[in-house]
Each structure stands twice: as structure tokens, then as C-alpha cells.
């Protein structure tokens, strides 16, 4: 995640509620919201539970399952 500055009161625009998938947790919802900011190109999350990598751009997401990325993650000491 990339932290961007908090907008001041004059920059805040009221947005409609975000549509999201039922499998999305707090990290995914945060990445979804961040992806809507003008200064953000994309946000990426990695699921600790199943290895799913999700890329968010402009409030839309694409994801890839662990198996499609090469199987199990290798831990390097």
C-alpha cells in the first residue's frame, strides 16, 4: 500500500457507496477505495489465506489465483 496525504475539507468529494465482492476483507476494501484516488495508479493486495493477488485500478479489480502465478510461495531465509 502507498500512503497518500489526507485531503482537506475543500477537496473531499462525496462518493456513492462502493460495490465490492463478498470475499473481500479489510485489506481489499482499503485497496479498492485507495484505487479511486486521482494520484494513485493502482493498488495491489496479496491474500494471506489463499495467495490470491488482486490489482485495483479506478475502483475495478482483477485477480489471479496462486496456482496461476506459479504454485506455492517459496520462503527464503
PDB file of N, CA and C in Angstrom:
ATOM      1  N   UNK A   1       0.829  -1.177   0.000  1.00  0.00           N
ATOM      2  CA  UNK A   1       0.000   0.000   0.000  1.00  0.00           C
ATOM      3  C   UNK A   1       0.877   1.245   0.000  1.00  0.00           C
ATOM      4  N   UNK A   2       0.357   2.264  -0.605  1.00  0.00           N
ATOM      5  CA  UNK A   2       1.021   3.554  -0.635  1.00  0.00           C
ATOM      6  C   UNK A   2       0.170   4.520   0.176  1.00  0.00           C
ATOM      7  N   UNK A   3       0.794   5.204   1.092  1.00  0.00           N
ATOM      8  CA  UNK A   3       0.049   6.189   1.884  1.00  0.00           C
ATOM      9  C   UNK A   3       0.127   7.528   1.178  1.00  0.00           C
ATOM     10  N   UNK A   4      -1.021   8.137   1.003  1.00  0.00           N
ATOM     11  CA  UNK A   4      -1.087   9.470   0.401  1.00  0.00           C
ATOM     12  C   UNK A   4      -1.630  10.428   1.454  1.00  0.00           C
ATOM     13  N   UNK A   5      -1.437  11.690   1.242  1.00  0.00           N
ATOM     14  CA  UNK A   5      -1.890  12.659   2.228  1.00  0.00           C
ATOM     15  C   UNK A   5      -3.413  12.671   2.333  1.00  0.00           C
ATOM     16  N   UNK A   6      -3.895  13.020   3.494  1.00  0.00           N
ATOM     17  CA  UNK A   6      -5.322  13.129   3.719  1.00  0.00           C
ATOM     18  C   UNK A   6      -5.808  14.424   3.093  1.00  0.00           C
ATOM     19  N   UNK A   7      -6.875  14.371   2.283  1.00  0.00           N
ATOM     20  CA  UNK A   7      -7.370  15.604   1.662  1.00  0.00           C
ATOM     21  C   UNK A   7      -7.972  16.538   2.710  1.00  0.00           C
ATOM     22  N   UNK A   8      -7.910  17.832   2.431  1.00  0.00           N
ATOM     23  CA  UNK A   8      -8.537  18.783   3.347  1.00  0.00           C
ATOM     24  C   UNK A   8     -10.033  18.861   3.029  1.00  0.00           C
ATOM     25  N   UNK A   9     -10.777  19.582   3.839  1.00  0.00           N
ATOM     26  CA  UNK A   9     -12.239  19.617   3.728  1.00  0.00           C
ATOM     27  C   UNK A   9     -12.727  20.112   2.372  1.00  0.00           C
ATOM     28  N   UNK A  10     -11.995  21.004   1.719  1.00  0.00           N
ATOM     29  CA  UNK A  10     -12.436  21.519   0.422  1.00  0.00           C
ATOM     30  C   UNK A  10     -12.195  20.521  -0.707  1.00  0.00           C
ATOM     31  N   UNK A  11     -11.329  19.534  -0.480  1.00  0.00           N
ATOM     32  CA  UNK A  11     -11.020  18.538  -1.504  1.00  0.00           C
ATOM     33  C   UNK A  11     -11.893  17.287  -1.416  1.00  0.00           C
ATOM     34  N   UNK A  12     -12.611  17.137  -0.315  1.00  0.00           N
ATOM     35  CA  UNK A  12     -13.408  15.932  -0.110  1.00  0.00           C
ATOM     36  C   UNK A  12     -14.651  15.978  -0.995  1.00  0.00           C
ATOM     37  N   UNK A  13     -14.826  14.928  -1.761  1.00  0.00           N
ATOM     38  CA  UNK A  13     -15.995  14.802  -2.636  1.00  0.00           C
ATOM     39  C   UNK A  13     -16.808  13.608  -2.153  1.00  0.00           C
ATOM     40  N   UNK A  14     -18.097  13.811  -1.973  1.00  0.00           N
ATOM     41  CA  UNK A  14     -18.967  12.723  -1.525  1.00  0.00           C
ATOM     42  C   UNK A  14     -19.117  11.701  -2.650  1.00  0.00           C
ATOM     43  N   UNK A  15     -18.775  10.460  -2.364  1.00  0.00           N
ATOM     44  CA  UNK A  15     -18.833   9.389  -3.357  1.00  0.00           C
ATOM     45  C   UNK A  15     -19.973   8.435  -3.025  1.00  0.00           C
ATOM     46  N   UNK A  16     -20.571   7.813  -4.047  1.00  0.00           N
ATOM     47  CA  UNK A  16     -21.585   6.799  -3.762  1.00  0.00           C
ATOM     48  C   UNK A  16     -20.927   5.575  -3.120  1.00  0.00           C
ATOM     49  N   UNK A  17     -21.702   4.726  -2.451  1.00  0.00           N
ATOM     50  CA  UNK A  17     -21.137   3.526  -1.829  1.00  0.00           C
ATOM     51  C   UNK A  17     -20.419   2.649  -2.863  1.00  0.00           C
ATOM     52  N   UNK A  18     -19.320   2.025  -2.439  1.00  0.00           N
ATOM     53  CA  UNK A  18     -18.551   1.162  -3.333  1.00  0.00           C
ATOM     54  C   UNK A  18     -19.183  -0.218  -3.443  1.00  0.00           C
ATOM     55  N   UNK A  19     -19.187  -0.760  -4.646  1.00  0.00           N
ATOM     56  CA  UNK A  19     -19.621  -2.141  -4.850  1.00  0.00           C
ATOM     57  C   UNK A  19     -18.392  -3.027  -4.699  1.00  0.00           C
ATOM     58  N   UNK A  20     -18.517  -4.093  -3.938  1.00  0.00           N
ATOM     59  CA  UNK A  20     -17.378  -4.980  -3.724  1.00  0.00           C
ATOM     60  C   UNK A  20     -17.848  -6.422  -3.616  1.00  0.00           C
ATOM     61  N   UNK A  21     -16.922  -7.335  -3.872  1.00  0.00           N
ATOM     62  CA  UNK A  21     -17.226  -8.766  -3.807  1.00  0.00           C
ATOM     63  C   UNK A  21     -17.293  -9.221  -2.351  1.00  0.00           C
ATOM     64  N   UNK A  22     -18.114 -10.241  -2.075  1.00  0.00           N
ATOM     65  CA  UNK A  22     -18.291 -10.702  -0.702  1.00  0.00           C
ATOM     66  C   UNK A  22     -17.044 -11.345  -0.095  1.00  0.00           C
ATOM     67  N   UNK A  23     -16.090 -11.750  -0.915  1.00  0.00           N
ATOM     68  CA  UNK A  23     -14.869 -12.358  -0.393  1.00  0.00           C
ATOM     69  C   UNK A  23     -13.839 -11.326   0.047  1.00  0.00           C
ATOM     70  N   UNK A  24     -14.053 -10.057  -0.251  1.00  0.00           N
ATOM     71  CA  UNK A  24     -13.075  -9.021   0.079  1.00  0.00           C
ATOM     72  C   UNK A  24     -13.073  -8.716   1.568  1.00  0.00           C
ATOM     73  N   UNK A  25     -11.854  -8.717   2.142  1.00  0.00           N
ATOM     74  CA  UNK A  25     -11.681  -8.350   3.541  1.00  0.00           C
ATOM     75  C   UNK A  25     -11.260  -6.896   3.654  1.00  0.00           C
ATOM     76  N   UNK A  26     -10.782  -6.520   4.832  1.00  0.00           N
ATOM     77  CA  UNK A  26     -10.463  -5.119   5.075  1.00  0.00           C
ATOM     78  C   UNK A  26      -9.316  -4.615   4.203  1.00  0.00           C
ATOM     79  N   UNK A  27      -8.302  -5.458   3.960  1.00  0.00           N
ATOM     80  CA  UNK A  27      -7.183  -5.014   3.105  1.00  0.00           C
ATOM     81  C   UNK A  27      -7.668  -4.759   1.686  1.00  0.00           C
ATOM     82  N   UNK A  28      -8.529  -5.645   1.185  1.00  0.00           N
ATOM     83  CA  UNK A  28      -9.037  -5.490  -0.174  1.00  0.00           C
ATOM     84  C   UNK A  28      -9.944  -4.264  -0.287  1.00  0.00           C
ATOM     85  N   UNK A  29     -10.779  -4.050   0.716  1.00  0.00           N
ATOM     86  CA  UNK A  29     -11.656  -2.883   0.682  1.00  0.00           C
ATOM     87  C   UNK A  29     -10.860  -1.592   0.743  1.00  0.00           C
ATOM     88  N   UNK A  30      -9.810  -1.582   1.533  1.00  0.00           N
ATOM     89  CA  UNK A  30      -8.943  -0.414   1.602  1.00  0.00           C
ATOM     90  C   UNK A  30      -8.264  -0.162   0.264  1.00  0.00           C
ATOM     91  N   UNK A  31      -7.753  -1.223  -0.354  1.00  0.00           N
ATOM     92  CA  UNK A  31      -7.099  -1.088  -1.658  1.00  0.00           C
ATOM     93  C   UNK A  31      -8.090  -0.603  -2.718  1.00  0.00           C
ATOM     94  N   UNK A  32      -9.319  -1.088  -2.648  1.00  0.00           N
ATOM     95  CA  UNK A  32     -10.362  -0.659  -3.580  1.00  0.00           C
ATOM     96  C   UNK A  32     -10.599   0.842  -3.457  1.00  0.00           C
ATOM     97  N   UNK A  33     -10.764   1.311  -2.230  1.00  0.00           N
ATOM     98  CA  UNK A  33     -11.010   2.742  -2.023  1.00  0.00           C
ATOM     99  C   UNK A  33      -9.813   3.589  -2.457  1.00  0.00           C
ATOM    100  N   UNK A  34      -8.606   3.159  -2.111  1.00  0.00           N
ATOM    101  CA  UNK A  34      -7.403   3.902  -2.485  1.00  0.00           C
ATOM    102  C   UNK A  34      -7.273   3.996  -3.994  1.00  0.00           C
ATOM    103  N   UNK A  35      -7.669   2.946  -4.715  1.00  0.00           N
ATOM    104  CA  UNK A  35      -7.530   2.938  -6.175  1.00  0.00           C
ATOM    105  C   UNK A  35      -8.371   4.005  -6.859  1.00  0.00           C
ATOM    106  N   UNK A  36      -9.342   4.557  -6.158  1.00  0.00           N
ATOM    107  CA  UNK A  36     -10.200   5.602  -6.729  1.00  0.00           C
ATOM    108  C   UNK A  36      -9.566   6.991  -6.669  1.00  0.00           C
ATOM    109  N   UNK A  37      -8.508   7.127  -5.907  1.00  0.00           N
ATOM    110  CA  UNK A  37      -7.861   8.440  -5.776  1.00  0.00           C
ATOM    111  C   UNK A  37      -7.120   8.796  -7.058  1.00  0.00           C
ATOM    112  N   UNK A  38      -7.231  10.041  -7.435  1.00  0.00           N
ATOM    113  CA  UNK A  38      -6.655  10.521  -8.690  1.00  0.00           C
ATOM    114  C   UNK A  38      -5.148  10.290  -8.782  1.00  0.00           C
ATOM    115  N   UNK A  39      -4.444  10.443  -7.662  1.00  0.00           N
ATOM    116  CA  UNK A  39      -2.990  10.333  -7.679  1.00  0.00           C
ATOM    117  C   UNK A  39      -2.479   8.892  -7.573  1.00  0.00           C
ATOM    118  N   UNK A  40      -3.375   7.916  -7.490  1.00  0.00           N
ATOM    119  CA  UNK A  40      -2.985   6.508  -7.356  1.00  0.00           C
ATOM    120  C   UNK A  40      -3.187   5.800  -8.689  1.00  0.00           C
ATOM    121  N   UNK A  41      -2.130   5.161  -9.179  1.00  0.00           N
ATOM    122  CA  UNK A  41      -2.225   4.404 -10.431  1.00  0.00           C
ATOM    123  C   UNK A  41      -2.900   3.068 -10.215  1.00  0.00           C
ATOM    124  N   UNK A  42      -2.513   2.362  -9.157  1.00  0.00           N
ATOM    125  CA  UNK A  42      -3.084   1.048  -8.851  1.00  0.00           C
ATOM    126  C   UNK A  42      -2.738   0.694  -7.420  1.00  0.00           C
ATOM    127  N   UNK A  43      -3.514  -0.205  -6.840  1.00  0.00           N
ATOM    128  CA  UNK A  43      -3.180  -0.761  -5.529  1.00  0.00           C
ATOM    129  C   UNK A  43      -3.266  -2.278  -5.659  1.00  0.00           C
ATOM    130  N   UNK A  44      -2.412  -2.960  -4.912  1.00  0.00           N
ATOM    131  CA  UNK A  44      -2.285  -4.410  -5.032  1.00  0.00           C
ATOM    132  C   UNK A  44      -2.388  -5.036  -3.648  1.00  0.00           C
ATOM    133  N   UNK A  45      -3.114  -6.156  -3.556  1.00  0.00           N
ATOM    134  CA  UNK A  45      -3.187  -6.904  -2.306  1.00  0.00           C
ATOM    135  C   UNK A  45      -2.811  -8.352  -2.552  1.00  0.00           C
ATOM    136  N   UNK A  46      -2.317  -8.987  -1.505  1.00  0.00           N
ATOM    137  CA  UNK A  46      -1.990 -10.413  -1.520  1.00  0.00           C
ATOM    138  C   UNK A  46      -2.742 -11.043  -0.371  1.00  0.00           C
ATOM    139  N   UNK A  47      -3.601 -12.009  -0.674  1.00  0.00           N
ATOM    140  CA  UNK A  47      -4.367 -12.689   0.359  1.00  0.00           C
ATOM    141  C   UNK A  47      -3.475 -13.660   1.113  1.00  0.00           C
ATOM    142  N   UNK A  48      -3.447 -13.542   2.434  1.00  0.00           N
ATOM    143  CA  UNK A  48      -2.688 -14.473   3.256  1.00  0.00           C
ATOM    144  C   UNK A  48      -3.365 -15.836   3.312  1.00  0.00           C
ATOM    145  N   UNK A  49      -4.666 -15.867   3.116  1.00  0.00           N
ATOM    146  CA  UNK A  49      -5.421 -17.116   3.229  1.00  0.00           C
ATOM    147  C   UNK A  49      -5.250 -18.030   2.029  1.00  0.00           C
ATOM    148  N   UNK A  50      -5.307 -17.459   0.814  1.00  0.00           N
ATOM    149  CA  UNK A  50      -5.280 -18.321  -0.367  1.00  0.00           C
ATOM    150  C   UNK A  50      -4.274 -17.898  -1.431  1.00  0.00           C
ATOM    151  N   UNK A  51      -3.507 -16.848  -1.168  1.00  0.00           N
ATOM    152  CA  UNK A  51      -2.477 -16.424  -2.115  1.00  0.00           C
ATOM    153  C   UNK A  51      -2.981 -15.638  -3.304  1.00  0.00           C
ATOM    154  N   UNK A  52      -4.237 -15.283  -3.314  1.00  0.00           N
ATOM    155  CA  UNK A  52      -4.814 -14.512  -4.423  1.00  0.00           C
ATOM    156  C   UNK A  52      -4.187 -13.130  -4.479  1.00  0.00           C
ATOM    157  N   UNK A  53      -3.722 -12.742  -5.652  1.00  0.00           N
ATOM    158  CA  UNK A  53      -3.177 -11.406  -5.872  1.00  0.00           C
ATOM    159  C   UNK A  53      -4.238 -10.599  -6.610  1.00  0.00           C
ATOM    160  N   UNK A  54      -4.593  -9.458  -6.045  1.00  0.00           N
ATOM    161  CA  UNK A  54      -5.643  -8.629  -6.639  1.00  0.00           C
ATOM    162  C   UNK A  54      -5.073  -7.246  -6.933  1.00  0.00           C
ATOM    163  N   UNK A  55      -5.325  -6.777  -8.158  1.00  0.00           N
ATOM    164  CA  UNK A  55      -4.893  -5.448  -8.577  1.00  0.00           C
ATOM    165  C   UNK A  55      -6.147  -4.595  -8.755  1.00  0.00           C
ATOM    166  N   UNK A  56      -6.144  -3.434  -8.117  1.00  0.00           N
ATOM    167  CA  UNK A  56      -7.264  -2.498  -8.200  1.00  0.00           C
ATOM    168  C   UNK A  56      -6.829  -1.271  -8.993  1.00  0.00           C
ATOM    169  N   UNK A  57      -7.661  -0.900  -9.969  1.00  0.00           N
ATOM    170  CA  UNK A  57      -7.441   0.316 -10.759  1.00  0.00           C
ATOM    171  C   UNK A  57      -8.787   1.009 -10.938  1.00  0.00           C
ATOM    172  N   UNK A  58      -8.856   2.250 -10.500  1.00  0.00           N
ATOM    173  CA  UNK A  58     -10.078   3.052 -10.667  1.00  0.00           C
ATOM    174  C   UNK A  58     -11.333   2.344 -10.164  1.00  0.00           C
ATOM    175  N   UNK A  59     -11.221   1.653  -9.031  1.00  0.00           N
ATOM    176  CA  UNK A  59     -12.381   1.003  -8.436  1.00  0.00           C
ATOM    177  C   UNK A  59     -12.760  -0.333  -9.028  1.00  0.00           C
ATOM    178  N   UNK A  60     -12.016  -0.801  -9.991  1.00  0.00           N
ATOM    179  CA  UNK A  60     -12.279  -2.120 -10.586  1.00  0.00           C
ATOM    180  C   UNK A  60     -11.118  -3.035 -10.214  1.00  0.00           C
ATOM    181  N   UNK A  61     -11.381  -4.328 -10.150  1.00  0.00           N
ATOM    182  CA  UNK A  61     -10.316  -5.238  -9.753  1.00  0.00           C
ATOM    183  C   UNK A  61     -10.171  -6.410 -10.716  1.00  0.00           C
ATOM    184  N   UNK A  62      -8.958  -6.909 -10.779  1.00  0.00           N
ATOM    185  CA  UNK A  62      -8.652  -8.167 -11.461  1.00  0.00           C
ATOM    186  C   UNK A  62      -7.811  -8.969 -10.488  1.00  0.00           C
ATOM    187  N   UNK A  63      -8.003 -10.275 -10.491  1.00  0.00           N
ATOM    188  CA  UNK A  63      -7.201 -11.061  -9.575  1.00  0.00           C
ATOM    189  C   UNK A  63      -6.705 -12.327 -10.246  1.00  0.00           C
ATOM    190  N   UNK A  64      -5.707 -12.903  -9.621  1.00  0.00           N
ATOM    191  CA  UNK A  64      -5.069 -14.095 -10.144  1.00  0.00           C
ATOM    192  C   UNK A  64      -4.836 -15.050  -8.977  1.00  0.00           C
ATOM    193  N   UNK A  65      -5.193 -16.296  -9.157  1.00  0.00           N
ATOM    194  CA  UNK A  65      -5.006 -17.282  -8.103  1.00  0.00           C
ATOM    195  C   UNK A  65      -3.549 -17.714  -8.022  1.00  0.00           C
ATOM    196  N   UNK A  66      -3.171 -18.188  -6.856  1.00  0.00           N
ATOM    197  CA  UNK A  66      -1.788 -18.601  -6.600  1.00  0.00           C
ATOM    198  C   UNK A  66      -1.291 -19.602  -7.644  1.00  0.00           C
ATOM    199  N   UNK A  67      -2.098 -20.581  -7.997  1.00  0.00           N
ATOM    200  CA  UNK A  67      -1.678 -21.610  -8.952  1.00  0.00           C
ATOM    201  C   UNK A  67      -1.310 -21.018 -10.311  1.00  0.00           C
ATOM    202  N   UNK A  68      -1.980 -19.958 -10.702  1.00  0.00           N
ATOM    203  CA  UNK A  68      -1.688 -19.311 -11.983  1.00  0.00           C
ATOM    204  C   UNK A  68      -0.409 -18.470 -11.928  1.00  0.00           C
ATOM    205  N   UNK A  69       0.057 -18.204 -10.715  1.00  0.00           N
ATOM    206  CA  UNK A  69       1.283 -17.418 -10.541  1.00  0.00           C
ATOM    207  C   UNK A  69       2.499 -18.298 -10.284  1.00  0.00           C
ATOM    208  N   UNK A  70       2.330 -19.609 -10.356  1.00  0.00           N
ATOM    209  CA  UNK A  70       3.474 -20.497 -10.182  1.00  0.00           C
ATOM    210  C   UNK A  70       3.406 -21.398  -8.980  1.00  0.00           C
ATOM    211  N   UNK A  71       2.239 -21.586  -8.401  1.00  0.00           N
ATOM    212  CA  UNK A  71       2.111 -22.533  -7.294  1.00  0.00           C
ATOM    213  C   UNK A  71       2.442 -21.922  -5.949  1.00  0.00           C
ATOM    214  N   UNK A  72       2.908 -22.771  -5.042  1.00  0.00           N
ATOM    215  CA  UNK A  72       3.189 -22.343  -3.663  1.00  0.00           C
ATOM    216  C   UNK A  72       4.280 -21.285  -3.612  1.00  0.00           C
ATOM    217  N   UNK A  73       4.147 -20.361  -2.664  1.00  0.00           N
ATOM    218  CA  UNK A  73       5.158 -19.353  -2.461  1.00  0.00           C
ATOM    219  C   UNK A  73       6.345 -19.997  -1.756  1.00  0.00           C
ATOM    220  N   UNK A  74       7.526 -19.616  -2.163  1.00  0.00           N
ATOM    221  CA  UNK A  74       8.740 -20.127  -1.520  1.00  0.00           C
ATOM    222  C   UNK A  74       9.208 -19.125  -0.484  1.00  0.00           C
ATOM    223  N   UNK A  75       9.536 -19.625   0.684  1.00  0.00           N
ATOM    224  CA  UNK A  75      10.041 -18.766   1.752  1.00  0.00           C
ATOM    225  C   UNK A  75      11.561 -18.808   1.707  1.00  0.00           C
ATOM    226  N   UNK A  76      12.170 -17.645   1.605  1.00  0.00           N
ATOM    227  CA  UNK A  76      13.621 -17.544   1.530  1.00  0.00           C
ATOM    228  C   UNK A  76      14.131 -16.994   2.852  1.00  0.00           C
ATOM    229  N   UNK A  77      15.063 -17.687   3.470  1.00  0.00           N
ATOM    230  CA  UNK A  77      15.621 -17.220   4.751  1.00  0.00           C
ATOM    231  C   UNK A  77      16.720 -16.226   4.529  1.00  0.00           C
TER     232      UNK A  77
END
